[in-house]
Amino acid sequence: MTFKPKIWYPVAVVLSVINLAGAGFALGQNQPDHAALHVVLALAFGLWARHLRKGPVGNELEARLEALEVEVSTQRQELSETQERLDFAERLLAQGREMPRVGPEH
């Protein structure tokens, strides 16, 4: 038998919700220790559900997100360099217009 996260994820969520409800009932009956136990169990099942949900697909998504971040960083660097070159070219063109021309004017 193989472990199937698709089956166990809803189980973990339901157990987490049941324990949260149990904590509420325990607090209603003035049993703080009992309520604390249910809260701890709810957190544990919630974290387990989160882990099951992430799974191998989550790792793949994280890797793709990291690759996109690297590519965006590269694009920003290239855009910055292009803007610097454009500014330089504009300065050269502006200087060319301002320089007095030697020779006869028509």
PDB file of N, CA and C in Angstrom:
ATOM      1  N   MET A   1       0.839  -1.179   0.000  1.00  0.00           N
ATOM      2  CA  MET A   1       0.000   0.000   0.000  1.00  0.00           C
ATOM      3  C   MET A   1       0.887   1.246   0.000  1.00  0.00           C
ATOM      4  N   THR A   2       0.599   2.189  -0.882  1.00  0.00           N
ATOM      5  CA  THR A   2       1.394   3.411  -0.965  1.00  0.00           C
ATOM      6  C   THR A   2       0.695   4.539  -0.215  1.00  0.00           C
ATOM      7  N   PHE A   3       1.493   5.478   0.235  1.00  0.00           N
ATOM      8  CA  PHE A   3       0.984   6.646   0.949  1.00  0.00           C
ATOM      9  C   PHE A   3       0.496   7.657  -0.078  1.00  0.00           C
ATOM     10  N   LYS A   4      -0.782   8.030  -0.022  1.00  0.00           N
ATOM     11  CA  LYS A   4      -1.364   8.940  -0.999  1.00  0.00           C
ATOM     12  C   LYS A   4      -1.762  10.248  -0.321  1.00  0.00           C
ATOM     13  N   PRO A   5      -0.978  11.319  -0.561  1.00  0.00           N
ATOM     14  CA  PRO A   5      -1.303  12.602   0.056  1.00  0.00           C
ATOM     15  C   PRO A   5      -2.687  13.135  -0.323  1.00  0.00           C
ATOM     16  N   LYS A   6      -3.180  12.793  -1.523  1.00  0.00           N
ATOM     17  CA  LYS A   6      -4.511  13.266  -1.924  1.00  0.00           C
ATOM     18  C   LYS A   6      -5.596  12.736  -0.999  1.00  0.00           C
ATOM     19  N   ILE A   7      -5.380  11.556  -0.469  1.00  0.00           N
ATOM     20  CA  ILE A   7      -6.357  10.966   0.456  1.00  0.00           C
ATOM     21  C   ILE A   7      -6.160  11.514   1.864  1.00  0.00           C
ATOM     22  N   TRP A   8      -4.911  11.642   2.290  1.00  0.00           N
ATOM     23  CA  TRP A   8      -4.635  12.026   3.672  1.00  0.00           C
ATOM     24  C   TRP A   8      -4.766  13.525   3.927  1.00  0.00           C
ATOM     25  N   TYR A   9      -4.681  14.350   2.902  1.00  0.00           N
ATOM     26  CA  TYR A   9      -4.819  15.794   3.108  1.00  0.00           C
ATOM     27  C   TYR A   9      -6.190  16.149   3.698  1.00  0.00           C
ATOM     28  N   PRO A  10      -7.302  15.697   3.091  1.00  0.00           N
ATOM     29  CA  PRO A  10      -8.600  16.029   3.692  1.00  0.00           C
ATOM     30  C   PRO A  10      -8.773  15.441   5.087  1.00  0.00           C
ATOM     31  N   VAL A  11      -8.195  14.270   5.325  1.00  0.00           N
ATOM     32  CA  VAL A  11      -8.275  13.659   6.653  1.00  0.00           C
ATOM     33  C   VAL A  11      -7.588  14.559   7.674  1.00  0.00           C
ATOM     34  N   ALA A  12      -6.411  15.054   7.331  1.00  0.00           N
ATOM     35  CA  ALA A  12      -5.676  15.923   8.245  1.00  0.00           C
ATOM     36  C   ALA A  12      -6.436  17.223   8.496  1.00  0.00           C
ATOM     37  N   VAL A  13      -7.057  17.775   7.456  1.00  0.00           N
ATOM     38  CA  VAL A  13      -7.834  19.012   7.623  1.00  0.00           C
ATOM     39  C   VAL A  13      -9.025  18.772   8.540  1.00  0.00           C
ATOM     40  N   VAL A  14      -9.744  17.686   8.308  1.00  0.00           N
ATOM     41  CA  VAL A  14     -10.913  17.373   9.140  1.00  0.00           C
ATOM     42  C   VAL A  14     -10.495  17.156  10.596  1.00  0.00           C
ATOM     43  N   LEU A  15      -9.422  16.439  10.815  1.00  0.00           N
ATOM     44  CA  LEU A  15      -8.951  16.219  12.186  1.00  0.00           C
ATOM     45  C   LEU A  15      -8.546  17.528  12.852  1.00  0.00           C
ATOM     46  N   SER A  16      -7.963  18.423  12.098  1.00  0.00           N
ATOM     47  CA  SER A  16      -7.594  19.724  12.639  1.00  0.00           C
ATOM     48  C   SER A  16      -8.843  20.513  13.051  1.00  0.00           C
ATOM     49  N   VAL A  17      -9.859  20.519  12.186  1.00  0.00           N
ATOM     50  CA  VAL A  17     -11.094  21.241  12.488  1.00  0.00           C
ATOM     51  C   VAL A  17     -11.806  20.618  13.687  1.00  0.00           C
ATOM     52  N   ILE A  18     -11.860  19.301  13.750  1.00  0.00           N
ATOM     53  CA  ILE A  18     -12.499  18.616  14.877  1.00  0.00           C
ATOM     54  C   ILE A  18     -11.800  18.975  16.189  1.00  0.00           C
ATOM     55  N   ASN A  19     -10.482  19.029  16.170  1.00  0.00           N
ATOM     56  CA  ASN A  19      -9.755  19.371  17.388  1.00  0.00           C
ATOM     57  C   ASN A  19      -9.950  20.832  17.773  1.00  0.00           C
ATOM     58  N   LEU A  20     -10.096  21.712  16.797  1.00  0.00           N
ATOM     59  CA  LEU A  20     -10.409  23.105  17.132  1.00  0.00           C
ATOM     60  C   LEU A  20     -11.783  23.201  17.793  1.00  0.00           C
ATOM     61  N   ALA A  21     -12.744  22.467  17.263  1.00  0.00           N
ATOM     62  CA  ALA A  21     -14.076  22.446  17.884  1.00  0.00           C
ATOM     63  C   ALA A  21     -13.994  21.845  19.280  1.00  0.00           C
ATOM     64  N   GLY A  22     -13.213  20.781  19.436  1.00  0.00           N
ATOM     65  CA  GLY A  22     -13.036  20.166  20.753  1.00  0.00           C
ATOM     66  C   GLY A  22     -12.421  21.123  21.756  1.00  0.00           C
ATOM     67  N   ALA A  23     -11.495  21.970  21.274  1.00  0.00           N
ATOM     68  CA  ALA A  23     -10.897  22.974  22.160  1.00  0.00           C
ATOM     69  C   ALA A  23     -11.961  23.957  22.626  1.00  0.00           C
ATOM     70  N   GLY A  24     -12.849  24.344  21.725  1.00  0.00           N
ATOM     71  CA  GLY A  24     -13.933  25.252  22.104  1.00  0.00           C
ATOM     72  C   GLY A  24     -14.850  24.638  23.144  1.00  0.00           C
ATOM     73  N   PHE A  25     -15.226  23.378  22.950  1.00  0.00           N
ATOM     74  CA  PHE A  25     -16.087  22.703  23.931  1.00  0.00           C
ATOM     75  C   PHE A  25     -15.385  22.550  25.272  1.00  0.00           C
ATOM     76  N   ALA A  26     -14.091  22.221  25.236  1.00  0.00           N
ATOM     77  CA  ALA A  26     -13.346  22.044  26.482  1.00  0.00           C
ATOM     78  C   ALA A  26     -13.247  23.367  27.242  1.00  0.00           C
ATOM     79  N   LEU A  27     -13.059  24.458  26.514  1.00  0.00           N
ATOM     80  CA  LEU A  27     -13.028  25.773  27.174  1.00  0.00           C
ATOM     81  C   LEU A  27     -14.399  26.123  27.741  1.00  0.00           C
ATOM     82  N   GLY A  28     -15.444  25.732  27.015  1.00  0.00           N
ATOM     83  CA  GLY A  28     -16.806  25.986  27.491  1.00  0.00           C
ATOM     84  C   GLY A  28     -17.109  25.257  28.789  1.00  0.00           C
ATOM     85  N   GLN A  29     -16.466  24.134  29.016  1.00  0.00           N
ATOM     86  CA  GLN A  29     -16.666  23.369  30.242  1.00  0.00           C
ATOM     87  C   GLN A  29     -15.598  23.661  31.282  1.00  0.00           C
ATOM     88  N   ASN A  30     -14.846  24.739  31.032  1.00  0.00           N
ATOM     89  CA  ASN A  30     -13.823  25.204  31.973  1.00  0.00           C
ATOM     90  C   ASN A  30     -12.750  24.138  32.219  1.00  0.00           C
ATOM     91  N   GLN A  31     -12.218  23.575  31.150  1.00  0.00           N
ATOM     92  CA  GLN A  31     -11.140  22.595  31.221  1.00  0.00           C
ATOM     93  C   GLN A  31      -9.967  23.093  30.360  1.00  0.00           C
ATOM     94  N   PRO A  32      -9.162  24.015  30.893  1.00  0.00           N
ATOM     95  CA  PRO A  32      -8.103  24.622  30.078  1.00  0.00           C
ATOM     96  C   PRO A  32      -7.023  23.634  29.637  1.00  0.00           C
ATOM     97  N   ASP A  33      -6.688  22.656  30.461  1.00  0.00           N
ATOM     98  CA  ASP A  33      -5.670  21.677  30.069  1.00  0.00           C
ATOM     99  C   ASP A  33      -6.154  20.819  28.897  1.00  0.00           C
ATOM    100  N   HIS A  34      -7.416  20.416  28.994  1.00  0.00           N
ATOM    101  CA  HIS A  34      -8.013  19.620  27.936  1.00  0.00           C
ATOM    102  C   HIS A  34      -8.079  20.443  26.642  1.00  0.00           C
ATOM    103  N   ALA A  35      -8.435  21.719  26.749  1.00  0.00           N
ATOM    104  CA  ALA A  35      -8.506  22.598  25.578  1.00  0.00           C
ATOM    105  C   ALA A  35      -7.125  22.790  24.968  1.00  0.00           C
ATOM    106  N   ALA A  36      -6.109  22.939  25.801  1.00  0.00           N
ATOM    107  CA  ALA A  36      -4.743  23.125  25.303  1.00  0.00           C
ATOM    108  C   ALA A  36      -4.298  21.906  24.501  1.00  0.00           C
ATOM    109  N   LEU A  37      -4.656  20.726  24.972  1.00  0.00           N
ATOM    110  CA  LEU A  37      -4.312  19.494  24.251  1.00  0.00           C
ATOM    111  C   LEU A  37      -4.966  19.493  22.865  1.00  0.00           C
ATOM    112  N   HIS A  38      -6.232  19.895  22.796  1.00  0.00           N
ATOM    113  CA  HIS A  38      -6.916  19.946  21.499  1.00  0.00           C
ATOM    114  C   HIS A  38      -6.284  20.994  20.576  1.00  0.00           C
ATOM    115  N   VAL A  39      -5.864  22.118  21.127  1.00  0.00           N
ATOM    116  CA  VAL A  39      -5.223  23.146  20.312  1.00  0.00           C
ATOM    117  C   VAL A  39      -3.913  22.622  19.733  1.00  0.00           C
ATOM    118  N   VAL A  40      -3.123  21.929  20.567  1.00  0.00           N
ATOM    119  CA  VAL A  40      -1.856  21.362  20.097  1.00  0.00           C
ATOM    120  C   VAL A  40      -2.116  20.342  18.999  1.00  0.00           C
ATOM    121  N   LEU A  41      -3.116  19.490  19.185  1.00  0.00           N
ATOM    122  CA  LEU A  41      -3.444  18.500  18.155  1.00  0.00           C
ATOM    123  C   LEU A  41      -3.935  19.183  16.869  1.00  0.00           C
ATOM    124  N   ALA A  42      -4.736  20.231  17.009  1.00  0.00           N
ATOM    125  CA  ALA A  42      -5.224  20.949  15.826  1.00  0.00           C
ATOM    126  C   ALA A  42      -4.055  21.553  15.055  1.00  0.00           C
ATOM    127  N   LEU A  43      -3.111  22.147  15.771  1.00  0.00           N
ATOM    128  CA  LEU A  43      -1.924  22.703  15.111  1.00  0.00           C
ATOM    129  C   LEU A  43      -1.110  21.615  14.420  1.00  0.00           C
ATOM    130  N   ALA A  44      -0.933  20.492  15.104  1.00  0.00           N
ATOM    131  CA  ALA A  44      -0.151  19.400  14.525  1.00  0.00           C
ATOM    132  C   ALA A  44      -0.804  18.878  13.247  1.00  0.00           C
ATOM    133  N   PHE A  45      -2.111  18.656  13.298  1.00  0.00           N
ATOM    134  CA  PHE A  45      -2.804  18.169  12.096  1.00  0.00           C
ATOM    135  C   PHE A  45      -2.808  19.234  11.000  1.00  0.00           C
ATOM    136  N   GLY A  46      -2.912  20.498  11.375  1.00  0.00           N
ATOM    137  CA  GLY A  46      -2.876  21.575  10.394  1.00  0.00           C
ATOM    138  C   GLY A  46      -1.528  21.655   9.692  1.00  0.00           C
ATOM    139  N   LEU A  47      -0.452  21.531  10.463  1.00  0.00           N
ATOM    140  CA  LEU A  47       0.886  21.544   9.866  1.00  0.00           C
ATOM    141  C   LEU A  47       1.102  20.328   8.971  1.00  0.00           C
ATOM    142  N   TRP A  48       0.577  19.200   9.399  1.00  0.00           N
ATOM    143  CA  TRP A  48       0.689  17.995   8.580  1.00  0.00           C
ATOM    144  C   TRP A  48      -0.066  18.180   7.264  1.00  0.00           C
ATOM    145  N   ALA A  49      -1.262  18.768   7.337  1.00  0.00           N
ATOM    146  CA  ALA A  49      -2.042  19.020   6.117  1.00  0.00           C
ATOM    147  C   ALA A  49      -1.286  19.965   5.195  1.00  0.00           C
ATOM    148  N   ARG A  50      -0.682  20.978   5.774  1.00  0.00           N
ATOM    149  CA  ARG A  50       0.094  21.925   4.957  1.00  0.00           C
ATOM    150  C   ARG A  50       1.257  21.207   4.270  1.00  0.00           C
ATOM    151  N   HIS A  51       1.933  20.340   5.018  1.00  0.00           N
ATOM    152  CA  HIS A  51       3.045  19.572   4.451  1.00  0.00           C
ATOM    153  C   HIS A  51       2.553  18.660   3.327  1.00  0.00           C
ATOM    154  N   LEU A  52       1.415  18.023   3.538  1.00  0.00           N
ATOM    155  CA  LEU A  52       0.868  17.142   2.505  1.00  0.00           C
ATOM    156  C   LEU A  52       0.460  17.933   1.267  1.00  0.00           C
ATOM    157  N   ARG A  53      -0.065  19.114   1.474  1.00  0.00           N
ATOM    158  CA  ARG A  53      -0.512  19.933   0.348  1.00  0.00           C
ATOM    159  C   ARG A  53       0.667  20.406  -0.489  1.00  0.00           C
ATOM    160  N   LYS A  54       1.765  20.711   0.184  1.00  0.00           N
ATOM    161  CA  LYS A  54       2.951  21.212  -0.513  1.00  0.00           C
ATOM    162  C   LYS A  54       3.522  20.122  -1.411  1.00  0.00           C
ATOM    163  N   GLY A  55       3.858  19.012  -0.861  1.00  0.00           N
ATOM    164  CA  GLY A  55       4.335  17.849  -1.605  1.00  0.00           C
ATOM    165  C   GLY A  55       5.365  18.150  -2.672  1.00  0.00           C
ATOM    166  N   PRO A  56       5.555  17.245  -3.625  1.00  0.00           N
ATOM    167  CA  PRO A  56       6.538  17.445  -4.687  1.00  0.00           C
ATOM    168  C   PRO A  56       6.148  18.577  -5.632  1.00  0.00           C
ATOM    169  N   VAL A  57       4.860  18.818  -5.805  1.00  0.00           N
ATOM    170  CA  VAL A  57       4.430  19.899  -6.678  1.00  0.00           C
ATOM    171  C   VAL A  57       4.869  21.234  -6.097  1.00  0.00           C
ATOM    172  N   GLY A  58       4.763  21.377  -4.776  1.00  0.00           N
ATOM    173  CA  GLY A  58       5.185  22.607  -4.120  1.00  0.00           C
ATOM    174  C   GLY A  58       6.662  22.874  -4.323  1.00  0.00           C
ATOM    175  N   ASN A  59       7.485  21.842  -4.250  1.00  0.00           N
ATOM    176  CA  ASN A  59       8.920  22.007  -4.466  1.00  0.00           C
ATOM    177  C   ASN A  59       9.208  22.435  -5.896  1.00  0.00           C
ATOM    178  N   GLU A  60       8.458  21.870  -6.837  1.00  0.00           N
ATOM    179  CA  GLU A  60       8.640  22.242  -8.244  1.00  0.00           C
ATOM    180  C   GLU A  60       8.248  23.702  -8.455  1.00  0.00           C
ATOM    181  N   LEU A  61       7.156  24.110  -7.819  1.00  0.00           N
ATOM    182  CA  LEU A  61       6.719  25.503  -7.950  1.00  0.00           C
ATOM    183  C   LEU A  61       7.736  26.460  -7.344  1.00  0.00           C
ATOM    184  N   GLU A  62       8.314  26.077  -6.227  1.00  0.00           N
ATOM    185  CA  GLU A  62       9.341  26.917  -5.603  1.00  0.00           C
ATOM    186  C   GLU A  62      10.552  27.058  -6.521  1.00  0.00           C
ATOM    187  N   ALA A  63      10.950  25.971  -7.161  1.00  0.00           N
ATOM    188  CA  ALA A  63      12.094  26.015  -8.078  1.00  0.00           C
ATOM    189  C   ALA A  63      11.777  26.912  -9.279  1.00  0.00           C
ATOM    190  N   ARG A  64      10.562  26.806  -9.799  1.00  0.00           N
ATOM    191  CA  ARG A  64      10.174  27.648 -10.934  1.00  0.00           C
ATOM    192  C   ARG A  64      10.114  29.115 -10.523  1.00  0.00           C
ATOM    193  N   LEU A  65       9.619  29.376  -9.323  1.00  0.00           N
ATOM    194  CA  LEU A  65       9.553  30.752  -8.830  1.00  0.00           C
ATOM    195  C   LEU A  65      10.952  31.331  -8.668  1.00  0.00           C
ATOM    196  N   GLU A  66      11.860  30.535  -8.141  1.00  0.00           N
ATOM    197  CA  GLU A  66      13.244  30.995  -7.984  1.00  0.00           C
ATOM    198  C   GLU A  66      13.878  31.288  -9.346  1.00  0.00           C
ATOM    199  N   ALA A  67      13.613  30.438 -10.338  1.00  0.00           N
ATOM    200  CA  ALA A  67      14.157  30.665 -11.680  1.00  0.00           C
ATOM    201  C   ALA A  67      13.586  31.953 -12.277  1.00  0.00           C
ATOM    202  N   LEU A  68      12.291  32.208 -12.031  1.00  0.00           N
ATOM    203  CA  LEU A  68      11.688  33.445 -12.519  1.00  0.00           C
ATOM    204  C   LEU A  68      12.299  34.668 -11.835  1.00  0.00           C
ATOM    205  N   GLU A  69      12.574  34.555 -10.539  1.00  0.00           N
ATOM    206  CA  GLU A  69      13.200  35.666  -9.827  1.00  0.00           C
ATOM    207  C   GLU A  69      14.581  35.978 -10.386  1.00  0.00           C
ATOM    208  N   VAL A  70      15.343  34.936 -10.721  1.00  0.00           N
ATOM    209  CA  VAL A  70      16.665  35.142 -11.304  1.00  0.00           C
ATOM    210  C   VAL A  70      16.534  35.811 -12.668  1.00  0.00           C
ATOM    211  N   GLU A  71      15.569  35.351 -13.459  1.00  0.00           N
ATOM    212  CA  GLU A  71      15.386  35.934 -14.786  1.00  0.00           C
ATOM    213  C   GLU A  71      14.938  37.391 -14.703  1.00  0.00           C
ATOM    214  N   VAL A  72      14.044  37.698 -13.767  1.00  0.00           N
ATOM    215  CA  VAL A  72      13.609  39.087 -13.600  1.00  0.00           C
ATOM    216  C   VAL A  72      14.781  39.958 -13.170  1.00  0.00           C
ATOM    217  N   SER A  73      15.623  39.440 -12.305  1.00  0.00           N
ATOM    218  CA  SER A  73      16.803  40.191 -11.872  1.00  0.00           C
ATOM    219  C   SER A  73      17.723  40.474 -13.057  1.00  0.00           C
ATOM    220  N   THR A  74      17.921  39.481 -13.896  1.00  0.00           N
ATOM    221  CA  THR A  74      18.748  39.654 -15.095  1.00  0.00           C
ATOM    222  C   THR A  74      18.128  40.691 -16.026  1.00  0.00           C
ATOM    223  N   GLN A  75      16.817  40.622 -16.214  1.00  0.00           N
ATOM    224  CA  GLN A  75      16.130  41.580 -17.078  1.00  0.00           C
ATOM    225  C   GLN A  75      16.256  43.001 -16.530  1.00  0.00           C
ATOM    226  N   ARG A  76      16.165  43.142 -15.210  1.00  0.00           N
ATOM    227  CA  ARG A  76      16.318  44.464 -14.600  1.00  0.00           C
ATOM    228  C   ARG A  76      17.716  45.022 -14.860  1.00  0.00           C
ATOM    229  N   GLN A  77      18.721  44.162 -14.730  1.00  0.00           N
ATOM    230  CA  GLN A  77      20.102  44.587 -14.962  1.00  0.00           C
ATOM    231  C   GLN A  77      20.279  45.027 -16.412  1.00  0.00           C
ATOM    232  N   GLU A  78      19.757  44.239 -17.342  1.00  0.00           N
ATOM    233  CA  GLU A  78      19.869  44.587 -18.760  1.00  0.00           C
ATOM    234  C   GLU A  78      19.113  45.881 -19.070  1.00  0.00           C
ATOM    235  N   LEU A  79      17.943  46.065 -18.479  1.00  0.00           N
ATOM    236  CA  LEU A  79      17.179  47.295 -18.685  1.00  0.00           C
ATOM    237  C   LEU A  79      17.937  48.495 -18.139  1.00  0.00           C
ATOM    238  N   SER A  80      18.562  48.339 -16.994  1.00  0.00           N
ATOM    239  CA  SER A  80      19.342  49.424 -16.407  1.00  0.00           C
ATOM    240  C   SER A  80      20.505  49.805 -17.322  1.00  0.00           C
ATOM    241  N   GLU A  81      21.197  48.813 -17.849  1.00  0.00           N
ATOM    242  CA  GLU A  81      22.306  49.081 -18.774  1.00  0.00           C
ATOM    243  C   GLU A  81      21.810  49.767 -20.048  1.00  0.00           C
ATOM    244  N   THR A  82      20.664  49.337 -20.558  1.00  0.00           N
ATOM    245  CA  THR A  82      20.097  49.943 -21.759  1.00  0.00           C
ATOM    246  C   THR A  82      19.715  51.397 -21.500  1.00  0.00           C
ATOM    247  N   GLN A  83      19.150  51.663 -20.322  1.00  0.00           N
ATOM    248  CA  GLN A  83      18.795  53.037 -19.979  1.00  0.00           C
ATOM    249  C   GLN A  83      20.039  53.919 -19.868  1.00  0.00           C
ATOM    250  N   GLU A  84      21.109  53.379 -19.311  1.00  0.00           N
ATOM    251  CA  GLU A  84      22.357  54.138 -19.232  1.00  0.00           C
ATOM    252  C   GLU A  84      22.893  54.461 -20.627  1.00  0.00           C
ATOM    253  N   ARG A  85      22.829  53.504 -21.533  1.00  0.00           N
ATOM    254  CA  ARG A  85      23.296  53.734 -22.904  1.00  0.00           C
ATOM    255  C   ARG A  85      22.427  54.765 -23.610  1.00  0.00           C
ATOM    256  N   LEU A  86      21.127  54.701 -23.389  1.00  0.00           N
ATOM    257  CA  LEU A  86      20.225  55.675 -23.995  1.00  0.00           C
ATOM    258  C   LEU A  86      20.507  57.074 -23.462  1.00  0.00           C
ATOM    259  N   ASP A  87      20.716  57.190 -22.163  1.00  0.00           N
ATOM    260  CA  ASP A  87      21.051  58.490 -21.579  1.00  0.00           C
ATOM    261  C   ASP A  87      22.342  59.034 -22.175  1.00  0.00           C
ATOM    262  N   PHE A  88      23.335  58.179 -22.345  1.00  0.00           N
ATOM    263  CA  PHE A  88      24.613  58.590 -22.928  1.00  0.00           C
ATOM    264  C   PHE A  88      24.418  59.090 -24.357  1.00  0.00           C
ATOM    265  N   ALA A  89      23.646  58.347 -25.139  1.00  0.00           N
ATOM    266  CA  ALA A  89      23.397  58.739 -26.529  1.00  0.00           C
ATOM    267  C   ALA A  89      22.640  60.067 -26.591  1.00  0.00           C
ATOM    268  N   GLU A  90      21.673  60.260 -25.694  1.00  0.00           N
ATOM    269  CA  GLU A  90      20.932  61.520 -25.670  1.00  0.00           C
ATOM    270  C   GLU A  90      21.847  62.689 -25.309  1.00  0.00           C
ATOM    271  N   ARG A  91      22.760  62.479 -24.371  1.00  0.00           N
ATOM    272  CA  ARG A  91      23.709  63.535 -24.011  1.00  0.00           C
ATOM    273  C   ARG A  91      24.606  63.884 -25.198  1.00  0.00           C
ATOM    274  N   LEU A  92      25.083  62.872 -25.918  1.00  0.00           N
ATOM    275  CA  LEU A  92      25.920  63.127 -27.090  1.00  0.00           C
ATOM    276  C   LEU A  92      25.154  63.902 -28.161  1.00  0.00           C
ATOM    277  N   LEU A  93      23.913  63.519 -28.399  1.00  0.00           N
ATOM    278  CA  LEU A  93      23.108  64.231 -29.391  1.00  0.00           C
ATOM    279  C   LEU A  93      22.843  65.670 -28.959  1.00  0.00           C
ATOM    280  N   ALA A  94      22.595  65.870 -27.681  1.00  0.00           N
ATOM    281  CA  ALA A  94      22.342  67.226 -27.181  1.00  0.00           C
ATOM    282  C   ALA A  94      23.596  68.078 -27.293  1.00  0.00           C
ATOM    283  N   GLN A  95      24.759  67.504 -27.056  1.00  0.00           N
ATOM    284  CA  GLN A  95      26.005  68.256 -27.178  1.00  0.00           C
ATOM    285  C   GLN A  95      26.258  68.606 -28.641  1.00  0.00           C
ATOM    286  N   GLY A  96      25.935  67.735 -29.539  1.00  0.00           N
ATOM    287  CA  GLY A  96      26.134  67.978 -30.968  1.00  0.00           C
ATOM    288  C   GLY A  96      25.303  69.137 -31.461  1.00  0.00           C
ATOM    289  N   ARG A  97      24.114  69.327 -30.941  1.00  0.00           N
ATOM    290  CA  ARG A  97      23.251  70.430 -31.347  1.00  0.00           C
ATOM    291  C   ARG A  97      23.755  71.756 -30.793  1.00  0.00           C
ATOM    292  N   GLU A  98      24.370  71.692 -29.615  1.00  0.00           N
ATOM    293  CA  GLU A  98      24.812  72.915 -28.952  1.00  0.00           C
ATOM    294  C   GLU A  98      26.161  73.416 -29.464  1.00  0.00           C
ATOM    295  N   MET A  99      26.962  72.566 -30.048  1.00  0.00           N
ATOM    296  CA  MET A  99      28.299  72.964 -30.512  1.00  0.00           C
ATOM    297  C   MET A  99      28.165  73.893 -31.716  1.00  0.00           C
ATOM    298  N   PRO A 100      28.941  74.970 -31.715  1.00  0.00           N
ATOM    299  CA  PRO A 100      28.905  75.888 -32.875  1.00  0.00           C
ATOM    300  C   PRO A 100      29.498  75.183 -34.099  1.00  0.00           C
ATOM    301  N   ARG A 101      28.900  75.447 -35.210  1.00  0.00           N
ATOM    302  CA  ARG A 101      29.383  74.824 -36.439  1.00  0.00           C
ATOM    303  C   ARG A 101      30.362  75.766 -37.121  1.00  0.00           C
ATOM    304  N   VAL A 102      31.391  75.169 -37.657  1.00  0.00           N
ATOM    305  CA  VAL A 102      32.418  75.952 -38.356  1.00  0.00           C
ATOM    306  C   VAL A 102      32.104  75.868 -39.842  1.00  0.00           C
ATOM    307  N   GLY A 103      32.187  76.992 -40.509  1.00  0.00           N
ATOM    308  CA  GLY A 103      31.956  76.995 -41.950  1.00  0.00           C
ATOM    309  C   GLY A 103      30.810  77.888 -42.301  1.00  0.00           C
ATOM    310  N   PRO A 104      30.600  78.024 -43.586  1.00  0.00           N
ATOM    311  CA  PRO A 104      29.534  78.905 -44.047  1.00  0.00           C
ATOM    312  C   PRO A 104      28.154  78.338 -43.739  1.00  0.00           C
ATOM    313  N   GLU A 105      27.280  79.241 -43.438  1.00  0.00           N
ATOM    314  CA  GLU A 105      25.909  78.819 -43.169  1.00  0.00           C
ATOM    315  C   GLU A 105      25.079  79.033 -44.416  1.00  0.00           C
ATOM    316  N   HIS A 106      24.181  78.226 -44.692  1.00  0.00           N
ATOM    317  CA  HIS A 106      23.334  78.326 -45.895  1.00  0.00           C
ATOM    318  C   HIS A 106      21.999  78.849 -45.531  1.00  0.00           C
TER     319      HIS A 106
END
